[in-house]
Amino acid sequence: MFIIDDKGILRAMIYYPLSNGRSIPEILRIIKALQTSDKYGVATPEGWQPGDKVIVSPPTTVQDAEKRMSEGYECIDWFFCKKELK
Protein backbone atom coordinates (compact mmCIF):
# COMPACT_ATOMS: atom_id res chain seq x y z
CA MET A 1 0.00 0.00 0.00
CA PHE A 2 1.51 3.33 -1.05
CA ILE A 3 0.57 6.84 0.05
CA ILE A 4 1.70 9.36 -2.56
CA ASP A 5 1.19 13.08 -1.98
CA ASP A 6 -0.09 15.66 -4.45
CA LYS A 7 3.51 16.40 -5.55
CA GLY A 8 4.03 12.76 -6.53
CA ILE A 9 6.26 11.99 -3.52
CA LEU A 10 5.96 8.61 -1.83
CA ARG A 11 5.19 9.44 1.81
CA ALA A 12 4.38 6.02 3.25
CA MET A 13 4.61 2.41 2.19
CA ILE A 14 2.88 -0.35 4.13
CA TYR A 15 3.43 -3.97 3.16
CA TYR A 16 0.66 -6.45 3.73
CA PRO A 17 1.01 -10.08 2.61
CA LEU A 18 -1.76 -11.14 0.24
CA SER A 19 -2.95 -13.60 2.88
CA ASN A 20 -3.73 -10.86 5.39
CA GLY A 21 -6.29 -8.09 5.49
CA ARG A 22 -5.65 -4.36 5.43
CA SER A 23 -6.28 -2.02 8.34
CA ILE A 24 -8.33 0.86 6.96
CA PRO A 25 -8.27 2.69 10.33
CA GLU A 26 -4.44 2.56 10.27
CA ILE A 27 -4.32 3.84 6.69
CA LEU A 28 -6.60 6.76 7.61
CA ARG A 29 -4.55 7.40 10.77
CA ILE A 30 -1.28 7.66 8.84
CA ILE A 31 -2.86 10.02 6.29
CA LYS A 32 -4.11 12.30 9.10
CA ALA A 33 -0.69 12.09 10.79
CA LEU A 34 1.09 13.09 7.57
CA GLN A 35 -1.29 16.01 7.08
CA THR A 36 -0.73 17.15 10.67
CA SER A 37 3.05 16.90 10.33
CA ASP A 38 2.95 18.96 7.14
CA LYS A 39 0.59 21.60 8.50
CA TYR A 40 2.26 22.17 11.89
CA GLY A 41 5.86 21.05 11.33
CA VAL A 42 5.67 18.43 14.08
CA ALA A 43 6.13 14.67 14.40
CA THR A 44 3.48 12.23 15.50
CA PRO A 45 4.31 9.29 17.79
CA GLU A 46 3.30 5.68 17.20
CA GLY A 47 -0.43 5.19 17.57
CA TRP A 48 -1.09 8.95 17.36
CA GLN A 49 -4.71 9.98 16.80
CA PRO A 50 -6.06 13.48 16.08
CA GLY A 51 -6.23 15.35 19.39
CA ASP A 52 -3.24 13.49 20.90
CA LYS A 53 -0.05 15.35 21.75
CA VAL A 54 2.55 15.77 19.02
CA ILE A 55 6.35 15.87 19.20
CA VAL A 56 7.94 19.26 18.54
CA SER A 57 11.40 19.97 17.16
CA PRO A 58 14.18 20.39 19.73
CA PRO A 59 14.83 23.96 20.86
CA THR A 60 17.81 25.70 19.29
CA THR A 61 18.81 27.79 22.30
CA VAL A 62 18.84 27.49 26.08
CA GLN A 63 16.36 30.35 26.22
CA ASP A 64 13.93 28.47 23.96
CA ALA A 65 14.28 25.37 26.15
CA GLU A 66 13.56 27.37 29.29
CA LYS A 67 10.62 29.11 27.62
CA ARG A 68 9.01 25.78 26.77
CA MET A 69 8.99 24.77 30.41
CA SER A 70 6.59 27.64 31.16
CA GLU A 71 4.40 27.25 28.06
CA GLY A 72 2.71 23.95 28.84
CA TYR A 73 5.01 21.64 26.92
CA GLU A 74 5.41 18.13 28.31
CA CYS A 75 9.19 17.64 28.27
CA ILE A 76 10.88 14.34 28.96
CA ASP A 77 14.24 16.04 28.49
CA TRP A 78 15.29 19.45 27.14
CA PHE A 79 15.32 18.12 23.57
CA PHE A 80 12.22 15.88 23.62
CA CYS A 81 8.95 17.69 24.19
CA LYS A 82 5.31 17.09 23.34
CA LYS A 83 2.42 19.52 23.14
CA GLU A 84 -1.26 19.66 22.31
CA LEU A 85 -2.23 21.35 19.07
CA LYS A 86 -4.80 24.10 19.41
PDB file of N, CA and C in Angstrom:
ATOM      1  N   MET A   1       0.849  -1.138   0.000  1.00  0.00           N
ATOM      2  CA  MET A   1       0.000   0.000   0.000  1.00  0.00           C
ATOM      3  C   MET A   1       0.904   1.212   0.000  1.00  0.00           C
ATOM      4  N   PHE A   2       0.694   2.140  -0.930  1.00  0.00           N
ATOM      5  CA  PHE A   2       1.511   3.333  -1.047  1.00  0.00           C
ATOM      6  C   PHE A   2       0.651   4.571  -0.806  1.00  0.00           C
ATOM      7  N   ILE A   3       1.210   5.540  -0.084  1.00  0.00           N
ATOM      8  CA  ILE A   3       0.572   6.844   0.053  1.00  0.00           C
ATOM      9  C   ILE A   3       1.478   7.826  -0.669  1.00  0.00           C
ATOM     10  N   ILE A   4       0.960   8.430  -1.720  1.00  0.00           N
ATOM     11  CA  ILE A   4       1.703   9.365  -2.558  1.00  0.00           C
ATOM     12  C   ILE A   4       1.018  10.716  -2.458  1.00  0.00           C
ATOM     13  N   ASP A   5       1.799  11.766  -2.159  1.00  0.00           N
ATOM     14  CA  ASP A   5       1.188  13.081  -1.982  1.00  0.00           C
ATOM     15  C   ASP A   5       0.890  13.755  -3.319  1.00  0.00           C
ATOM     16  N   ASP A   6       0.323  14.953  -3.242  1.00  0.00           N
ATOM     17  CA  ASP A   6      -0.091  15.661  -4.455  1.00  0.00           C
ATOM     18  C   ASP A   6       1.087  16.126  -5.311  1.00  0.00           C
ATOM     19  N   LYS A   7       2.315  16.047  -4.766  1.00  0.00           N
ATOM     20  CA  LYS A   7       3.510  16.396  -5.546  1.00  0.00           C
ATOM     21  C   LYS A   7       4.148  15.157  -6.175  1.00  0.00           C
ATOM     22  N   GLY A   8       3.518  14.000  -5.968  1.00  0.00           N
ATOM     23  CA  GLY A   8       4.030  12.756  -6.528  1.00  0.00           C
ATOM     24  C   GLY A   8       5.110  12.109  -5.675  1.00  0.00           C
ATOM     25  N   ILE A   9       5.239  12.531  -4.401  1.00  0.00           N
ATOM     26  CA  ILE A   9       6.263  11.991  -3.517  1.00  0.00           C
ATOM     27  C   ILE A   9       5.674  10.862  -2.669  1.00  0.00           C
ATOM     28  N   LEU A  10       6.372   9.741  -2.659  1.00  0.00           N
ATOM     29  CA  LEU A  10       5.961   8.613  -1.827  1.00  0.00           C
ATOM     30  C   LEU A  10       6.175   8.992  -0.369  1.00  0.00           C
ATOM     31  N   ARG A  11       5.111   9.030   0.411  1.00  0.00           N
ATOM     32  CA  ARG A  11       5.188   9.441   1.814  1.00  0.00           C
ATOM     33  C   ARG A  11       5.138   8.264   2.775  1.00  0.00           C
ATOM     34  N   ALA A  12       4.473   7.189   2.385  1.00  0.00           N
ATOM     35  CA  ALA A  12       4.385   6.017   3.252  1.00  0.00           C
ATOM     36  C   ALA A  12       4.185   4.780   2.393  1.00  0.00           C
ATOM     37  N   MET A  13       4.760   3.687   2.877  1.00  0.00           N
ATOM     38  CA  MET A  13       4.608   2.414   2.188  1.00  0.00           C
ATOM     39  C   MET A  13       4.357   1.363   3.266  1.00  0.00           C
ATOM     40  N   ILE A  14       3.242   0.681   3.159  1.00  0.00           N
ATOM     41  CA  ILE A  14       2.884  -0.347   4.129  1.00  0.00           C
ATOM     42  C   ILE A  14       2.739  -1.660   3.373  1.00  0.00           C
ATOM     43  N   TYR A  15       3.465  -2.672   3.827  1.00  0.00           N
ATOM     44  CA  TYR A  15       3.433  -3.969   3.162  1.00  0.00           C
ATOM     45  C   TYR A  15       2.501  -4.910   3.911  1.00  0.00           C
ATOM     46  N   TYR A  16       1.550  -5.436   3.196  1.00  0.00           N
ATOM     47  CA  TYR A  16       0.655  -6.452   3.731  1.00  0.00           C
ATOM     48  C   TYR A  16       0.781  -7.694   2.853  1.00  0.00           C
ATOM     49  N   PRO A  17       1.018  -8.869   3.426  1.00  0.00           N
ATOM     50  CA  PRO A  17       1.009 -10.083   2.611  1.00  0.00           C
ATOM     51  C   PRO A  17      -0.392 -10.293   2.020  1.00  0.00           C
ATOM     52  N   LEU A  18      -0.461 -10.896   0.877  1.00  0.00           N
ATOM     53  CA  LEU A  18      -1.756 -11.135   0.237  1.00  0.00           C
ATOM     54  C   LEU A  18      -2.693 -11.953   1.122  1.00  0.00           C
ATOM     55  N   SER A  19      -2.124 -12.739   2.027  1.00  0.00           N
ATOM     56  CA  SER A  19      -2.946 -13.602   2.875  1.00  0.00           C
ATOM     57  C   SER A  19      -3.560 -12.876   4.070  1.00  0.00           C
ATOM     58  N   ASN A  20      -3.230 -11.585   4.231  1.00  0.00           N
ATOM     59  CA  ASN A  20      -3.727 -10.856   5.395  1.00  0.00           C
ATOM     60  C   ASN A  20      -4.471  -9.598   4.982  1.00  0.00           C
ATOM     61  N   GLY A  21      -5.466  -9.255   5.785  1.00  0.00           N
ATOM     62  CA  GLY A  21      -6.292  -8.088   5.491  1.00  0.00           C
ATOM     63  C   GLY A  21      -5.590  -6.763   5.765  1.00  0.00           C
ATOM     64  N   ARG A  22      -6.182  -5.710   5.255  1.00  0.00           N
ATOM     65  CA  ARG A  22      -5.652  -4.355   5.427  1.00  0.00           C
ATOM     66  C   ARG A  22      -6.378  -3.679   6.581  1.00  0.00           C
ATOM     67  N   SER A  23      -5.684  -2.765   7.241  1.00  0.00           N
ATOM     68  CA  SER A  23      -6.279  -2.023   8.339  1.00  0.00           C
ATOM     69  C   SER A  23      -6.636  -0.630   7.836  1.00  0.00           C
ATOM     70  N   ILE A  24      -7.883  -0.446   7.452  1.00  0.00           N
ATOM     71  CA  ILE A  24      -8.332   0.856   6.961  1.00  0.00           C
ATOM     72  C   ILE A  24      -8.179   1.929   8.043  1.00  0.00           C
ATOM     73  N   PRO A  25      -8.503   1.657   9.315  1.00  0.00           N
ATOM     74  CA  PRO A  25      -8.270   2.688  10.332  1.00  0.00           C
ATOM     75  C   PRO A  25      -6.801   3.120  10.407  1.00  0.00           C
ATOM     76  N   GLU A  26      -5.856   2.194  10.241  1.00  0.00           N
ATOM     77  CA  GLU A  26      -4.443   2.564  10.275  1.00  0.00           C
ATOM     78  C   GLU A  26      -4.062   3.387   9.051  1.00  0.00           C
ATOM     79  N   ILE A  27      -4.599   3.062   7.903  1.00  0.00           N
ATOM     80  CA  ILE A  27      -4.323   3.842   6.694  1.00  0.00           C
ATOM     81  C   ILE A  27      -4.843   5.265   6.863  1.00  0.00           C
ATOM     82  N   LEU A  28      -6.047   5.419   7.375  1.00  0.00           N
ATOM     83  CA  LEU A  28      -6.596   6.759   7.613  1.00  0.00           C
ATOM     84  C   LEU A  28      -5.800   7.505   8.678  1.00  0.00           C
ATOM     85  N   ARG A  29      -5.347   6.782   9.713  1.00  0.00           N
ATOM     86  CA  ARG A  29      -4.550   7.403  10.766  1.00  0.00           C
ATOM     87  C   ARG A  29      -3.245   7.960  10.212  1.00  0.00           C
ATOM     88  N   ILE A  30      -2.555   7.199   9.373  1.00  0.00           N
ATOM     89  CA  ILE A  30      -1.275   7.664   8.840  1.00  0.00           C
ATOM     90  C   ILE A  30      -1.481   8.852   7.898  1.00  0.00           C
ATOM     91  N   ILE A  31      -2.574   8.865   7.152  1.00  0.00           N
ATOM     92  CA  ILE A  31      -2.858  10.023   6.290  1.00  0.00           C
ATOM     93  C   ILE A  31      -3.084  11.266   7.138  1.00  0.00           C
ATOM     94  N   LYS A  32      -3.877  11.153   8.210  1.00  0.00           N
ATOM     95  CA  LYS A  32      -4.105  12.297   9.102  1.00  0.00           C
ATOM     96  C   LYS A  32      -2.811  12.732   9.780  1.00  0.00           C
ATOM     97  N   ALA A  33      -1.975  11.772  10.164  1.00  0.00           N
ATOM     98  CA  ALA A  33      -0.694  12.095  10.794  1.00  0.00           C
ATOM     99  C   ALA A  33       0.220  12.837   9.820  1.00  0.00           C
ATOM    100  N   LEU A  34       0.283  12.402   8.579  1.00  0.00           N
ATOM    101  CA  LEU A  34       1.094  13.091   7.572  1.00  0.00           C
ATOM    102  C   LEU A  34       0.590  14.513   7.352  1.00  0.00           C
ATOM    103  N   GLN A  35      -0.717  14.677   7.270  1.00  0.00           N
ATOM    104  CA  GLN A  35      -1.290  16.012   7.081  1.00  0.00           C
ATOM    105  C   GLN A  35      -0.972  16.923   8.275  1.00  0.00           C
ATOM    106  N   THR A  36      -1.043  16.379   9.483  1.00  0.00           N
ATOM    107  CA  THR A  36      -0.731  17.153  10.675  1.00  0.00           C
ATOM    108  C   THR A  36       0.743  17.547  10.703  1.00  0.00           C
ATOM    109  N   SER A  37       1.620  16.609  10.381  1.00  0.00           N
ATOM    110  CA  SER A  37       3.054  16.903  10.331  1.00  0.00           C
ATOM    111  C   SER A  37       3.349  18.009   9.331  1.00  0.00           C
ATOM    112  N   ASP A  38       2.740  17.934   8.171  1.00  0.00           N
ATOM    113  CA  ASP A  38       2.948  18.955   7.136  1.00  0.00           C
ATOM    114  C   ASP A  38       2.420  20.316   7.574  1.00  0.00           C
ATOM    115  N   LYS A  39       1.242  20.338   8.148  1.00  0.00           N
ATOM    116  CA  LYS A  39       0.595  21.603   8.501  1.00  0.00           C
ATOM    117  C   LYS A  39       1.291  22.317   9.659  1.00  0.00           C
ATOM    118  N   TYR A  40       1.724  21.561  10.671  1.00  0.00           N
ATOM    119  CA  TYR A  40       2.255  22.170  11.888  1.00  0.00           C
ATOM    120  C   TYR A  40       3.768  22.011  12.065  1.00  0.00           C
ATOM    121  N   GLY A  41       4.421  21.250  11.198  1.00  0.00           N
ATOM    122  CA  GLY A  41       5.863  21.053  11.333  1.00  0.00           C
ATOM    123  C   GLY A  41       6.242  20.264  12.576  1.00  0.00           C
ATOM    124  N   VAL A  42       5.452  19.263  12.898  1.00  0.00           N
ATOM    125  CA  VAL A  42       5.665  18.432  14.080  1.00  0.00           C
ATOM    126  C   VAL A  42       5.797  16.973  13.664  1.00  0.00           C
ATOM    127  N   ALA A  43       6.108  16.118  14.624  1.00  0.00           N
ATOM    128  CA  ALA A  43       6.128  14.674  14.397  1.00  0.00           C
ATOM    129  C   ALA A  43       5.008  14.053  15.221  1.00  0.00           C
ATOM    130  N   THR A  44       4.525  12.918  14.768  1.00  0.00           N
ATOM    131  CA  THR A  44       3.477  12.225  15.504  1.00  0.00           C
ATOM    132  C   THR A  44       4.026  10.881  15.996  1.00  0.00           C
ATOM    133  N   PRO A  45       3.811  10.559  17.264  1.00  0.00           N
ATOM    134  CA  PRO A  45       4.312   9.287  17.791  1.00  0.00           C
ATOM    135  C   PRO A  45       3.487   8.101  17.305  1.00  0.00           C
ATOM    136  N   GLU A  46       3.996   6.926  17.555  1.00  0.00           N
ATOM    137  CA  GLU A  46       3.301   5.684  17.200  1.00  0.00           C
ATOM    138  C   GLU A  46       1.921   5.687  17.833  1.00  0.00           C
ATOM    139  N   GLY A  47       0.934   5.282  17.062  1.00  0.00           N
ATOM    140  CA  GLY A  47      -0.428   5.191  17.573  1.00  0.00           C
ATOM    141  C   GLY A  47      -1.135   6.526  17.701  1.00  0.00           C
ATOM    142  N   TRP A  48      -0.503   7.610  17.247  1.00  0.00           N
ATOM    143  CA  TRP A  48      -1.094   8.947  17.362  1.00  0.00           C
ATOM    144  C   TRP A  48      -2.459   8.995  16.705  1.00  0.00           C
ATOM    145  N   GLN A  49      -3.377   9.714  17.345  1.00  0.00           N
ATOM    146  CA  GLN A  49      -4.706   9.977  16.804  1.00  0.00           C
ATOM    147  C   GLN A  49      -4.942  11.481  16.885  1.00  0.00           C
ATOM    148  N   PRO A  50      -5.770  12.051  15.990  1.00  0.00           N
ATOM    149  CA  PRO A  50      -6.061  13.478  16.084  1.00  0.00           C
ATOM    150  C   PRO A  50      -6.522  13.843  17.495  1.00  0.00           C
ATOM    151  N   GLY A  51      -5.938  14.919  18.034  1.00  0.00           N
ATOM    152  CA  GLY A  51      -6.227  15.346  19.395  1.00  0.00           C
ATOM    153  C   GLY A  51      -5.161  14.913  20.386  1.00  0.00           C
ATOM    154  N   ASP A  52      -4.349  13.910  20.039  1.00  0.00           N
ATOM    155  CA  ASP A  52      -3.244  13.491  20.902  1.00  0.00           C
ATOM    156  C   ASP A  52      -2.107  14.506  20.805  1.00  0.00           C
ATOM    157  N   LYS A  53      -1.212  14.471  21.775  1.00  0.00           N
ATOM    158  CA  LYS A  53      -0.054  15.351  21.750  1.00  0.00           C
ATOM    159  C   LYS A  53       0.878  14.965  20.603  1.00  0.00           C
ATOM    160  N   VAL A  54       1.585  15.971  20.098  1.00  0.00           N
ATOM    161  CA  VAL A  54       2.555  15.767  19.016  1.00  0.00           C
ATOM    162  C   VAL A  54       3.949  16.071  19.544  1.00  0.00           C
ATOM    163  N   ILE A  55       4.960  15.631  18.826  1.00  0.00           N
ATOM    164  CA  ILE A  55       6.351  15.872  19.199  1.00  0.00           C
ATOM    165  C   ILE A  55       6.841  17.089  18.438  1.00  0.00           C
ATOM    166  N   VAL A  56       7.437  18.029  19.162  1.00  0.00           N
ATOM    167  CA  VAL A  56       7.938  19.259  18.541  1.00  0.00           C
ATOM    168  C   VAL A  56       9.446  19.155  18.337  1.00  0.00           C
ATOM    169  N   SER A  57       9.961  19.953  17.429  1.00  0.00           N
ATOM    170  CA  SER A  57      11.398  19.969  17.164  1.00  0.00           C
ATOM    171  C   SER A  57      12.154  20.418  18.410  1.00  0.00           C
ATOM    172  N   PRO A  58      13.395  19.957  18.574  1.00  0.00           N
ATOM    173  CA  PRO A  58      14.182  20.388  19.725  1.00  0.00           C
ATOM    174  C   PRO A  58      14.424  21.894  19.689  1.00  0.00           C
ATOM    175  N   PRO A  59      14.533  22.533  20.841  1.00  0.00           N
ATOM    176  CA  PRO A  59      14.827  23.962  20.864  1.00  0.00           C
ATOM    177  C   PRO A  59      16.248  24.205  20.357  1.00  0.00           C
ATOM    178  N   THR A  60      16.485  25.390  19.832  1.00  0.00           N
ATOM    179  CA  THR A  60      17.806  25.703  19.289  1.00  0.00           C
ATOM    180  C   THR A  60      18.669  26.500  20.259  1.00  0.00           C
ATOM    181  N   THR A  61      18.048  27.025  21.316  1.00  0.00           N
ATOM    182  CA  THR A  61      18.807  27.789  22.304  1.00  0.00           C
ATOM    183  C   THR A  61      18.362  27.393  23.708  1.00  0.00           C
ATOM    184  N   VAL A  62      19.188  27.733  24.678  1.00  0.00           N
ATOM    185  CA  VAL A  62      18.840  27.485  26.077  1.00  0.00           C
ATOM    186  C   VAL A  62      17.605  28.291  26.452  1.00  0.00           C
ATOM    187  N   GLN A  63      17.512  29.508  25.923  1.00  0.00           N
ATOM    188  CA  GLN A  63      16.362  30.353  26.218  1.00  0.00           C
ATOM    189  C   GLN A  63      15.069  29.714  25.707  1.00  0.00           C
ATOM    190  N   ASP A  64      15.116  29.147  24.501  1.00  0.00           N
ATOM    191  CA  ASP A  64      13.933  28.465  23.959  1.00  0.00           C
ATOM    192  C   ASP A  64      13.556  27.261  24.815  1.00  0.00           C
ATOM    193  N   ALA A  65      14.550  26.530  25.294  1.00  0.00           N
ATOM    194  CA  ALA A  65      14.281  25.369  26.149  1.00  0.00           C
ATOM    195  C   ALA A  65      13.624  25.808  27.450  1.00  0.00           C
ATOM    196  N   GLU A  66      14.141  26.862  28.052  1.00  0.00           N
ATOM    197  CA  GLU A  66      13.564  27.371  29.294  1.00  0.00           C
ATOM    198  C   GLU A  66      12.157  27.904  29.077  1.00  0.00           C
ATOM    199  N   LYS A  67      11.935  28.552  27.945  1.00  0.00           N
ATOM    200  CA  LYS A  67      10.618  29.112  27.622  1.00  0.00           C
ATOM    201  C   LYS A  67       9.567  28.008  27.513  1.00  0.00           C
ATOM    202  N   ARG A  68       9.949  26.888  26.922  1.00  0.00           N
ATOM    203  CA  ARG A  68       9.010  25.775  26.766  1.00  0.00           C
ATOM    204  C   ARG A  68       8.504  25.267  28.103  1.00  0.00           C
ATOM    205  N   MET A  69       9.366  25.301  29.098  1.00  0.00           N
ATOM    206  CA  MET A  69       8.986  24.774  30.410  1.00  0.00           C
ATOM    207  C   MET A  69       7.830  25.565  31.024  1.00  0.00           C
ATOM    208  N   SER A  70       7.669  26.827  30.611  1.00  0.00           N
ATOM    209  CA  SER A  70       6.586  27.643  31.164  1.00  0.00           C
ATOM    210  C   SER A  70       5.404  27.789  30.204  1.00  0.00           C
ATOM    211  N   GLU A  71       5.461  27.116  29.068  1.00  0.00           N
ATOM    212  CA  GLU A  71       4.399  27.247  28.062  1.00  0.00           C
ATOM    213  C   GLU A  71       3.542  26.003  27.916  1.00  0.00           C
ATOM    214  N   GLY A  72       3.587  25.110  28.868  1.00  0.00           N
ATOM    215  CA  GLY A  72       2.705  23.953  28.839  1.00  0.00           C
ATOM    216  C   GLY A  72       3.194  22.772  28.019  1.00  0.00           C
ATOM    217  N   TYR A  73       4.458  22.788  27.623  1.00  0.00           N
ATOM    218  CA  TYR A  73       5.007  21.637  26.924  1.00  0.00           C
ATOM    219  C   TYR A  73       5.238  20.518  27.930  1.00  0.00           C
ATOM    220  N   GLU A  74       5.097  19.293  27.483  1.00  0.00           N
ATOM    221  CA  GLU A  74       5.411  18.127  28.307  1.00  0.00           C
ATOM    222  C   GLU A  74       6.789  17.652  27.859  1.00  0.00           C
ATOM    223  N   CYS A  75       7.807  17.952  28.658  1.00  0.00           N
ATOM    224  CA  CYS A  75       9.186  17.643  28.269  1.00  0.00           C
ATOM    225  C   CYS A  75       9.727  16.459  29.057  1.00  0.00           C
ATOM    226  N   ILE A  76      10.235  15.487  28.342  1.00  0.00           N
ATOM    227  CA  ILE A  76      10.884  14.340  28.957  1.00  0.00           C
ATOM    228  C   ILE A  76      12.346  14.692  29.226  1.00  0.00           C
ATOM    229  N   ASP A  77      12.906  15.487  28.357  1.00  0.00           N
ATOM    230  CA  ASP A  77      14.244  16.039  28.488  1.00  0.00           C
ATOM    231  C   ASP A  77      14.236  17.362  27.725  1.00  0.00           C
ATOM    232  N   TRP A  78      15.299  18.131  27.782  1.00  0.00           N
ATOM    233  CA  TRP A  78      15.288  19.451  27.137  1.00  0.00           C
ATOM    234  C   TRP A  78      15.059  19.371  25.636  1.00  0.00           C
ATOM    235  N   PHE A  79      15.422  18.248  25.018  1.00  0.00           N
ATOM    236  CA  PHE A  79      15.322  18.119  23.569  1.00  0.00           C
ATOM    237  C   PHE A  79      14.107  17.329  23.097  1.00  0.00           C
ATOM    238  N   PHE A  80      13.355  16.719  24.017  1.00  0.00           N
ATOM    239  CA  PHE A  80      12.221  15.876  23.616  1.00  0.00           C
ATOM    240  C   PHE A  80      10.968  16.355  24.334  1.00  0.00           C
ATOM    241  N   CYS A  81      10.163  17.125  23.612  1.00  0.00           N
ATOM    242  CA  CYS A  81       8.947  17.692  24.194  1.00  0.00           C
ATOM    243  C   CYS A  81       7.735  17.384  23.324  1.00  0.00           C
ATOM    244  N   LYS A  82       6.590  17.274  24.009  1.00  0.00           N
ATOM    245  CA  LYS A  82       5.305  17.091  23.340  1.00  0.00           C
ATOM    246  C   LYS A  82       4.411  18.260  23.694  1.00  0.00           C
ATOM    247  N   LYS A  83       3.412  18.493  22.832  1.00  0.00           N
ATOM    248  CA  LYS A  83       2.421  19.517  23.143  1.00  0.00           C
ATOM    249  C   LYS A  83       1.108  19.165  22.464  1.00  0.00           C
ATOM    250  N   GLU A  84       0.039  19.798  22.944  1.00  0.00           N
ATOM    251  CA  GLU A  84      -1.259  19.659  22.312  1.00  0.00           C
ATOM    252  C   GLU A  84      -1.389  20.723  21.241  1.00  0.00           C
ATOM    253  N   LEU A  85      -1.965  20.363  20.111  1.00  0.00           N
ATOM    254  CA  LEU A  85      -2.235  21.351  19.066  1.00  0.00           C
ATOM    255  C   LEU A  85      -3.522  22.073  19.409  1.00  0.00           C
ATOM    256  N   LYS A  86      -3.579  23.332  19.110  1.00  0.00           N
ATOM    257  CA  LYS A  86      -4.795  24.104  19.406  1.00  0.00           C
ATOM    258  C   LYS A  86      -5.489  24.509  18.155  1.00  0.00           C
TER     259      LYS A  86
END
